[in-house]
């Protein structure tokens, strides 16, 4: 059947690739018959053979050995590899196949695929180019790897894992004080390759493990020189650690961290202040466990300068309603908020043992045309925690806009309007 099919297609002047499904399991069960299948395709004039590791259970040393035997017998025909990631080895199996002589690798961007996924082509390409000195796309195009990873994820309405090799936001992140200090002196100690090779960048994470080098480097990424400003860096570190002990986490909340640093500098002036807000949730019809007809309504009273605004917004949930109402209240003063998009919302209970009285941590991710940032809010009340994170997200977005448009004039960044920083204070509902 293989011979007849290939001969028929070649007679029609088609390029023919034979995908040998289940080849590795087939080879283990009956190597002679498996090789006879490939020989039938080769004898019929096939243009290439792709060996499929269909159920994802093979290990790299198995793949390298078997592919080596195929290449030894049919080396005149291009040999490819197609792997699944069921045993977590799709990338390793693909690289092992290339070591054995394969010249074609099948896969998907970000490893998207059935079950636990296919071979991640982006990781394979980077490994082949940077680790194995194989040419795939060239060094210049390789610099687009991270943006491609994010672009495809956006198209699929998915998120790139923060721990994704090469393109994840944590791929070149450092938070230990020793690590951060070493990175400044010898990056190769903690970065296996230059992140710029794949279009990514080093990222300093400020957490309970942070030292002064971490905080100084992180502040620098915001355009803040803490040393030149004469700020007590250790005091800020102590504050951050106290806040994290109270439930905050700044590892994924760059926006909130930047605002905290600006408060210590004395150059932060809030774009608006809250008088009050109220959230109502209405469920008009009892349709049982699958009811989806509940709606939320939020009313906000806001002050922008000496002007008072009242706005009401609706949403499927209370946070969406608050977001809508806030934007309505400040849109005349700050039309730029229309460019800010809330892209992710997460709720965590740092101490679940307290049940419904537990401190709640809310992390919001917001994006504009220039990138994204995270903000964090903490409270015993999930709505208040959400509000705090939401306010930081809008405030930081407006701050970015002002800086990008060189609008940090005295009336916008007025040191006399410095807010008192209250370390590790957590509001209670």
Protein backbone atom coordinates (compact mmCIF):
# COMPACT_ATOMS: atom_id res chain seq x y z
CA UNK A 1 0.00 0.00 0.00
CA UNK A 2 2.84 2.40 0.84
CA UNK A 3 4.66 1.63 -2.40
CA UNK A 4 1.52 1.92 -4.51
CA UNK A 5 0.48 5.20 -2.90
CA UNK A 6 3.89 6.84 -3.30
CA UNK A 7 4.25 5.63 -6.91
CA UNK A 8 0.79 6.96 -7.78
CA UNK A 9 1.52 10.40 -6.34
CA UNK A 10 5.00 10.61 -7.88
CA UNK A 11 3.49 9.70 -11.25
CA UNK A 12 1.30 12.79 -10.81
CA UNK A 13 4.46 14.88 -10.33
CA UNK A 14 3.77 15.49 -6.64
CA UNK A 15 6.28 16.01 -3.87
CA UNK A 16 5.67 13.14 -1.48
CA UNK A 17 6.53 13.01 2.21
CA UNK A 18 5.89 9.74 4.02
CA UNK A 19 4.87 10.28 7.66
CA UNK A 20 5.53 6.97 9.36
CA UNK A 21 2.92 7.00 12.12
CA UNK A 22 3.78 5.11 15.32
CA UNK A 23 7.20 4.35 13.86
CA UNK A 24 9.12 4.10 17.13
CA UNK A 25 6.63 1.80 18.83
CA UNK A 26 6.40 -0.16 15.60
CA UNK A 27 10.19 -0.44 15.39
CA UNK A 28 10.43 -1.69 18.98
CA UNK A 29 7.77 -4.32 18.29
CA UNK A 30 9.06 -5.45 14.88
CA UNK A 31 12.15 -3.65 13.56
CA UNK A 32 12.33 -5.60 10.31
CA UNK A 33 8.77 -4.78 9.33
CA UNK A 34 9.15 -1.12 10.34
CA UNK A 35 12.26 -0.76 8.17
CA UNK A 36 10.52 -2.62 5.32
CA UNK A 37 7.77 0.05 5.40
CA UNK A 38 10.36 2.77 4.95
CA UNK A 39 12.11 0.82 2.18
CA UNK A 40 8.84 0.51 0.28
CA UNK A 41 8.48 4.30 0.32
CA UNK A 42 12.11 4.86 -0.67
CA UNK A 43 11.92 2.36 -3.51
CA UNK A 44 8.83 4.15 -4.83
CA UNK A 45 10.74 7.45 -4.97
CA UNK A 46 9.52 9.24 -1.83
CA UNK A 47 11.05 12.72 -1.35
CA UNK A 48 11.35 12.59 2.43
CA UNK A 49 10.48 10.43 5.41
CA UNK A 50 9.26 11.76 8.76
CA UNK A 51 9.49 9.37 11.68
CA UNK A 52 6.56 9.91 14.03
CA UNK A 53 6.84 9.35 17.77
CA UNK A 54 3.07 9.35 17.93
CA UNK A 55 2.21 8.53 21.54
CA UNK A 56 4.94 10.66 23.09
CA UNK A 57 6.40 7.89 25.22
CA UNK A 58 9.90 7.45 23.79
CA UNK A 59 13.03 8.76 25.48
CA UNK A 60 15.92 10.61 23.82
CA UNK A 61 18.39 7.72 23.82
CA UNK A 62 15.78 5.47 22.15
CA UNK A 63 15.07 8.09 19.50
CA UNK A 64 18.74 8.77 18.78
CA UNK A 65 19.53 5.06 18.41
CA UNK A 66 16.59 4.27 16.13
CA UNK A 67 16.95 7.39 13.96
CA UNK A 68 20.65 6.59 13.60
CA UNK A 69 19.79 3.18 12.19
CA UNK A 70 17.28 4.69 9.76
CA UNK A 71 19.78 7.29 8.57
CA UNK A 72 22.45 4.61 8.13
CA UNK A 73 20.16 2.62 5.84
CA UNK A 74 18.27 5.40 4.04
CA UNK A 75 20.65 8.33 4.33
CA UNK A 76 20.12 9.44 0.75
CA UNK A 77 16.56 10.49 1.64
CA UNK A 78 15.94 13.44 3.99
CA UNK A 79 14.81 12.10 7.36
CA UNK A 80 12.53 14.07 9.67
CA UNK A 81 11.20 13.72 13.21
CA UNK A 82 7.71 14.30 14.62
CA UNK A 83 7.32 14.12 18.42
CA UNK A 84 4.66 14.56 21.05
CA UNK A 85 5.37 15.71 24.59
CA UNK A 86 3.54 13.11 26.69
CA UNK A 87 6.71 12.15 28.55
CA UNK A 88 8.05 15.72 28.57
CA UNK A 89 10.72 14.83 26.01
CA UNK A 90 9.44 16.22 22.70
CA UNK A 91 12.16 18.86 22.40
CA UNK A 92 14.89 16.53 23.69
CA UNK A 93 13.74 13.76 21.34
CA UNK A 94 13.80 16.15 18.38
CA UNK A 95 17.33 17.30 19.22
CA UNK A 96 18.43 13.67 19.65
CA UNK A 97 17.04 12.88 16.21
CA UNK A 98 19.01 15.77 14.69
CA UNK A 99 22.16 14.48 16.39
CA UNK A 100 21.50 11.14 14.71
CA UNK A 101 21.16 12.72 11.26
CA UNK A 102 17.58 13.98 10.92
CA UNK A 103 17.33 17.26 9.00
CA UNK A 104 13.60 17.99 9.34
CA UNK A 105 11.74 18.77 12.58
CA UNK A 106 7.97 18.94 12.81
CA UNK A 107 6.29 20.85 15.63
CA UNK A 108 4.21 23.86 16.58
CA UNK A 109 4.79 27.35 17.97
CA UNK A 110 4.85 27.20 21.78
CA UNK A 111 4.30 23.43 21.62
CA UNK A 112 0.54 23.83 21.18
CA UNK A 113 -1.11 20.48 20.42
CA UNK A 114 -3.29 17.62 21.52
CA UNK A 115 -2.92 16.02 24.94
CA UNK A 116 0.18 17.65 26.52
CA UNK A 117 1.38 19.18 23.28
CA UNK A 118 3.71 18.75 20.32
CA UNK A 119 7.36 19.64 19.90
CA UNK A 120 7.88 23.34 20.63
CA UNK A 121 9.56 24.58 17.47
CA UNK A 122 10.73 27.79 19.10
CA UNK A 123 12.74 25.95 21.74
CA UNK A 124 14.11 23.54 19.15
CA UNK A 125 15.15 26.36 16.83
CA UNK A 126 16.89 28.26 19.62
CA UNK A 127 18.65 25.12 20.86
CA UNK A 128 19.80 24.17 17.36
CA UNK A 129 21.04 27.68 16.59
CA UNK A 130 22.57 28.60 19.95
CA UNK A 131 23.63 25.24 21.38
CA UNK A 132 24.28 22.92 18.44
CA UNK A 133 25.59 25.38 15.82
CA UNK A 134 22.92 24.35 13.32
CA UNK A 135 21.44 26.89 10.92
CA UNK A 136 17.65 27.22 11.01
CA UNK A 137 16.58 30.85 10.63
CA UNK A 138 19.77 32.80 11.27
CA UNK A 139 20.75 35.03 14.16
CA UNK A 140 18.80 38.11 13.04
CA UNK A 141 15.49 36.31 12.61
CA UNK A 142 16.09 34.43 15.86
CA UNK A 143 15.74 37.77 17.66
CA UNK A 144 12.04 37.69 16.76
CA UNK A 145 11.48 34.45 18.69
CA UNK A 146 9.96 36.02 21.82
CA UNK A 147 7.61 38.34 19.93
CA UNK A 148 6.48 35.44 17.71
CA UNK A 149 5.77 33.33 20.78
CA UNK A 150 3.63 36.09 22.27
CA UNK A 151 1.91 36.85 18.96
CA UNK A 152 0.77 33.27 18.40
CA UNK A 153 -0.37 32.99 22.01
CA UNK A 154 -2.46 36.14 21.58
CA UNK A 155 -4.01 34.80 18.38
CA UNK A 156 -4.98 31.61 20.22
CA UNK A 157 -6.25 33.55 23.25
CA UNK A 158 -3.65 31.81 25.41
CA UNK A 159 -0.86 33.00 27.69
CA UNK A 160 2.79 32.20 27.20
CA UNK A 161 3.94 30.39 30.34
CA UNK A 162 6.18 32.64 32.40
CA UNK A 163 8.55 29.67 32.59
CA UNK A 164 8.58 29.01 28.85
CA UNK A 165 12.17 28.42 27.66
CA UNK A 166 13.73 31.43 25.96
CA UNK A 167 10.50 33.45 25.50
CA UNK A 168 8.87 33.33 28.95
CA UNK A 169 8.92 36.42 31.16
CA UNK A 170 10.81 34.44 33.81
CA UNK A 171 13.27 32.84 31.39
CA UNK A 172 15.90 35.42 32.31
CA UNK A 173 14.48 36.66 35.62
CA UNK A 174 16.56 36.98 38.77
CA UNK A 175 15.43 37.68 42.29
CA UNK A 176 18.02 36.36 44.74
CA UNK A 177 20.30 39.13 46.03
CA UNK A 178 23.42 37.11 45.21
CA UNK A 179 22.10 36.30 41.74
CA UNK A 180 21.30 39.94 40.99
CA UNK A 181 24.70 41.08 42.19
CA UNK A 182 26.43 38.41 40.09
CA UNK A 183 24.41 39.26 36.98
CA UNK A 184 25.81 42.78 37.05
CA UNK A 185 29.36 41.38 37.05
CA UNK A 186 29.18 38.09 35.17
CA UNK A 187 25.84 37.45 33.40
CA UNK A 188 26.97 34.05 32.10
CA UNK A 189 26.85 32.72 35.66
CA UNK A 190 23.04 32.71 35.68
CA UNK A 191 22.03 33.20 32.03
CA UNK A 192 22.77 30.31 29.69
CA UNK A 193 22.60 32.64 26.70
CA UNK A 194 22.26 36.35 26.04
CA UNK A 195 18.48 37.03 26.21
CA UNK A 196 18.85 39.51 23.36
CA UNK A 197 19.65 36.56 21.07
CA UNK A 198 15.99 35.54 21.24
CA UNK A 199 14.41 38.97 21.64
CA UNK A 200 13.96 38.67 25.40
CA UNK A 201 15.59 40.62 28.21
CA UNK A 202 16.89 40.16 31.72
CA UNK A 203 14.39 40.97 34.43
CA UNK A 204 15.06 41.70 38.07
CA UNK A 205 12.35 40.48 40.44
CA UNK A 206 12.02 42.17 43.77
CA UNK A 207 10.84 39.83 46.52
CA UNK A 208 11.63 38.73 50.03
CA UNK A 209 14.91 37.34 48.65
CA UNK A 210 15.96 40.63 47.10
CA UNK A 211 19.12 42.48 48.01
CA UNK A 212 20.15 46.04 47.29
CA UNK A 213 21.59 45.10 43.90
CA UNK A 214 18.23 43.63 42.86
CA UNK A 215 16.29 46.71 43.92
CA UNK A 216 18.75 49.16 42.34
CA UNK A 217 18.65 47.23 39.07
CA UNK A 218 14.87 46.99 39.13
CA UNK A 219 14.52 50.70 39.87
CA UNK A 220 16.87 51.45 36.98
CA UNK A 221 14.54 49.57 34.63
CA UNK A 222 11.85 52.11 35.64
CA UNK A 223 14.23 54.98 34.92
CA UNK A 224 14.81 55.59 38.64
CA UNK A 225 18.28 56.08 40.11
CA UNK A 226 17.76 55.42 43.81
CA UNK A 227 21.40 56.16 44.69
CA UNK A 228 21.37 59.56 43.00
CA UNK A 229 18.05 60.36 44.70
CA UNK A 230 19.60 59.72 48.10
CA UNK A 231 16.84 57.32 49.11
CA UNK A 232 17.42 54.83 51.92
CA UNK A 233 17.44 51.62 49.87
CA UNK A 234 17.49 49.37 52.92
CA UNK A 235 14.36 51.09 54.25
CA UNK A 236 12.56 50.32 50.99
CA UNK A 237 13.73 46.71 51.09
CA UNK A 238 12.49 46.33 54.66
CA UNK A 239 9.15 47.81 53.62
CA UNK A 240 8.83 45.43 50.67
CA UNK A 241 9.62 42.43 52.86
CA UNK A 242 7.08 43.55 55.46
CA UNK A 243 4.46 44.01 52.76
CA UNK A 244 5.15 40.55 51.35
CA UNK A 245 4.79 39.10 54.85
CA UNK A 246 1.35 40.77 54.91
CA UNK A 247 0.34 39.13 51.63
CA UNK A 248 1.72 41.33 48.87
CA UNK A 249 3.82 39.91 46.05
CA UNK A 250 5.81 42.18 43.76
CA UNK A 251 7.27 39.43 41.57
CA UNK A 252 4.44 39.91 39.07
CA UNK A 253 3.46 43.46 40.04
CA UNK A 254 5.97 45.80 38.41
CA UNK A 255 3.39 48.58 38.24
CA UNK A 256 2.69 48.55 41.99
CA UNK A 257 6.41 48.36 42.75
CA UNK A 258 7.17 51.36 40.53
CA UNK A 259 4.46 53.41 42.24
CA UNK A 260 5.87 52.45 45.64
CA UNK A 261 9.33 53.65 44.58
CA UNK A 262 7.93 56.93 43.27
CA UNK A 263 6.23 57.44 46.63
CA UNK A 264 9.57 57.05 48.37
CA UNK A 265 11.09 59.54 45.94
CA UNK A 266 8.38 62.01 46.83
CA UNK A 267 7.55 62.56 43.15
CA UNK A 268 4.26 60.68 42.98
CA UNK A 269 0.98 62.51 42.75
CA UNK A 270 -2.18 60.42 42.30
CA UNK A 271 -4.14 61.17 39.16
CA UNK A 272 -7.39 60.88 41.10
CA UNK A 273 -8.61 60.21 44.62
CA UNK A 274 -11.51 58.09 45.76
CA UNK A 275 -14.36 59.50 47.79
CA UNK A 276 -16.30 56.25 47.87
CA UNK A 277 -17.52 53.33 45.81
CA UNK A 278 -20.43 50.92 46.12
CA UNK A 279 -20.98 47.62 44.33
CA UNK A 280 -24.34 45.87 43.97
CA UNK A 281 -24.81 42.37 42.57
CA UNK A 282 -28.27 41.53 41.23
CA UNK A 283 -29.46 38.04 40.34
CA UNK A 284 -32.92 38.54 38.84
CA UNK A 285 -33.81 34.94 38.08
CA UNK A 286 -33.10 31.72 39.94
CA UNK A 287 -32.11 29.23 37.26
CA UNK A 288 -30.15 26.89 39.47
CA UNK A 289 -26.50 25.90 39.50
CA UNK A 290 -25.93 26.93 35.87
CA UNK A 291 -27.32 30.45 36.26
CA UNK A 292 -25.34 33.09 34.36
CA UNK A 293 -27.71 36.02 34.63
CA UNK A 294 -26.20 37.83 37.64
CA UNK A 295 -25.10 41.40 36.90
CA UNK A 296 -23.01 43.83 38.91
CA UNK A 297 -23.40 47.58 39.21
CA UNK A 298 -20.73 49.88 40.63
CA UNK A 299 -21.10 53.54 41.57
CA UNK A 300 -17.92 55.54 42.09
CA UNK A 301 -17.35 59.04 43.43
CA UNK A 302 -13.97 60.36 42.30
CA UNK A 303 -12.05 63.62 42.63
CA UNK A 304 -9.69 64.76 39.87
CA UNK A 305 -8.02 67.92 41.08
CA UNK A 306 -10.80 70.13 42.42
CA UNK A 307 -13.49 68.45 40.30
CA UNK A 308 -15.84 65.75 41.58
CA UNK A 309 -17.18 63.01 39.31
CA UNK A 310 -19.83 60.37 39.91
CA UNK A 311 -20.20 57.46 37.52
CA UNK A 312 -22.04 54.15 37.43
CA UNK A 313 -20.86 51.15 35.46
CA UNK A 314 -22.21 47.67 34.86
CA UNK A 315 -20.45 44.38 34.29
CA UNK A 316 -20.84 40.64 34.56
CA UNK A 317 -18.73 40.80 37.71
CA UNK A 318 -18.02 43.44 40.38
CA UNK A 319 -14.46 44.09 39.20
CA UNK A 320 -15.59 44.64 35.63
CA UNK A 321 -18.26 47.03 36.89
CA UNK A 322 -15.71 48.94 38.97
CA UNK A 323 -13.35 49.14 36.01
CA UNK A 324 -16.12 50.49 33.78
CA UNK A 325 -17.26 53.05 36.34
CA UNK A 326 -13.72 54.26 37.04
CA UNK A 327 -12.97 54.75 33.37
CA UNK A 328 -16.24 56.64 32.90
CA UNK A 329 -15.44 58.89 35.87
CA UNK A 330 -11.95 59.91 34.71
CA UNK A 331 -12.17 59.59 30.91
CA UNK A 332 -12.82 63.33 30.38
CA UNK A 333 -9.71 64.19 32.40
CA UNK A 334 -7.62 61.28 31.12
CA UNK A 335 -8.83 60.06 27.71
CA UNK A 336 -5.69 57.90 27.58
CA UNK A 337 -7.44 55.30 29.77
CA UNK A 338 -9.21 54.11 26.62
CA UNK A 339 -5.86 52.66 25.51
CA UNK A 340 -5.44 50.62 28.71
CA UNK A 341 -6.79 47.09 28.57
CA UNK A 342 -7.24 44.79 31.55
CA UNK A 343 -5.95 41.47 30.22
CA UNK A 344 -5.81 39.19 33.26
CA UNK A 345 -7.22 38.98 36.78
CA UNK A 346 -6.12 36.50 39.42
CA UNK A 347 -7.20 35.96 43.01
CA UNK A 348 -5.00 34.13 45.54
CA UNK A 349 -5.37 33.31 49.23
CA UNK A 350 -1.85 33.43 50.72
CA UNK A 351 -3.16 31.71 53.88
CA UNK A 352 -6.11 29.46 53.06
CA UNK A 353 -6.37 28.20 56.64
CA UNK A 354 -8.37 31.31 57.57
CA UNK A 355 -11.21 30.37 55.23
CA UNK A 356 -13.48 33.27 54.28
CA UNK A 357 -11.59 35.58 56.66
CA UNK A 358 -8.29 35.01 54.85
CA UNK A 359 -6.27 37.84 53.37
CA UNK A 360 -6.95 38.00 49.64
CA UNK A 361 -4.31 38.93 47.07
CA UNK A 362 -5.50 40.18 43.68
CA UNK A 363 -3.10 40.54 40.75
CA UNK A 364 -4.22 42.41 37.64
CA UNK A 365 -2.37 42.51 34.33
CA UNK A 366 -2.95 45.56 32.14
CA UNK A 367 -1.58 46.37 28.70
CA UNK A 368 -1.20 49.25 26.29
CA UNK A 369 0.41 49.50 22.87
CA UNK A 370 3.89 49.54 24.43
CA UNK A 371 3.64 46.51 26.72
CA UNK A 372 2.02 45.13 29.85
CA UNK A 373 2.43 45.42 33.61
CA UNK A 374 1.09 43.81 36.74
CA UNK A 375 -0.35 45.38 39.89
CA UNK A 376 -1.32 43.89 43.24
CA UNK A 377 -3.91 44.62 45.90
CA UNK A 378 -4.34 42.97 49.30
CA UNK A 379 -7.26 43.03 51.73
CA UNK A 380 -9.55 40.76 53.73
CA UNK A 381 -12.23 41.96 51.30
CA UNK A 382 -11.76 40.67 47.74
CA UNK A 383 -13.54 43.69 46.25
CA UNK A 384 -11.26 46.12 48.09
CA UNK A 385 -8.18 44.12 47.09
CA UNK A 386 -9.40 44.24 43.49
CA UNK A 387 -10.00 48.00 43.72
CA UNK A 388 -6.48 48.60 45.04
CA UNK A 389 -4.93 46.57 42.23
CA UNK A 390 -7.19 48.26 39.68
CA UNK A 391 -6.26 51.76 40.86
CA UNK A 392 -2.55 50.91 40.65
CA UNK A 393 -3.03 49.53 37.14
CA UNK A 394 -4.67 52.75 35.91
CA UNK A 395 -2.28 55.01 37.83
CA UNK A 396 0.78 53.25 36.45
CA UNK A 397 -0.67 53.27 32.93
CA UNK A 398 -1.20 57.03 33.12
CA UNK A 399 2.29 57.48 34.58
CA UNK A 400 3.77 55.54 31.66
CA UNK A 401 1.83 57.72 29.25
CA UNK A 402 3.09 60.92 30.91
CA UNK A 403 6.69 59.71 30.85
CA UNK A 404 6.46 58.54 27.23
CA UNK A 405 5.08 61.94 26.26
CA UNK A 406 7.52 63.88 28.47
CA UNK A 407 4.75 65.35 30.63
CA UNK A 408 6.39 64.99 34.05
CA UNK A 409 5.90 68.66 34.83
CA UNK A 410 5.78 69.95 38.38
CA UNK A 411 2.01 69.99 38.49
CA UNK A 412 1.84 66.32 37.48
CA UNK A 413 4.77 64.99 39.52
CA UNK A 414 4.73 67.47 42.39
CA UNK A 415 7.05 66.55 45.30
CA UNK A 416 4.93 68.69 47.62
CA UNK A 417 2.10 66.25 46.99
CA UNK A 418 4.15 63.38 48.40
CA UNK A 419 2.03 60.76 50.08
CA UNK A 420 3.20 59.32 53.35
CA UNK A 421 4.37 55.74 52.86
CA UNK A 422 2.98 53.43 55.49
CA UNK A 423 5.03 50.22 55.44
CA UNK A 424 3.15 46.93 55.26
CA UNK A 425 -0.22 48.48 56.12
CA UNK A 426 -3.10 46.26 54.95
CA UNK A 427 -6.54 47.79 54.81
CA UNK A 428 -9.34 45.79 56.38
CA UNK A 429 -12.85 45.63 55.05
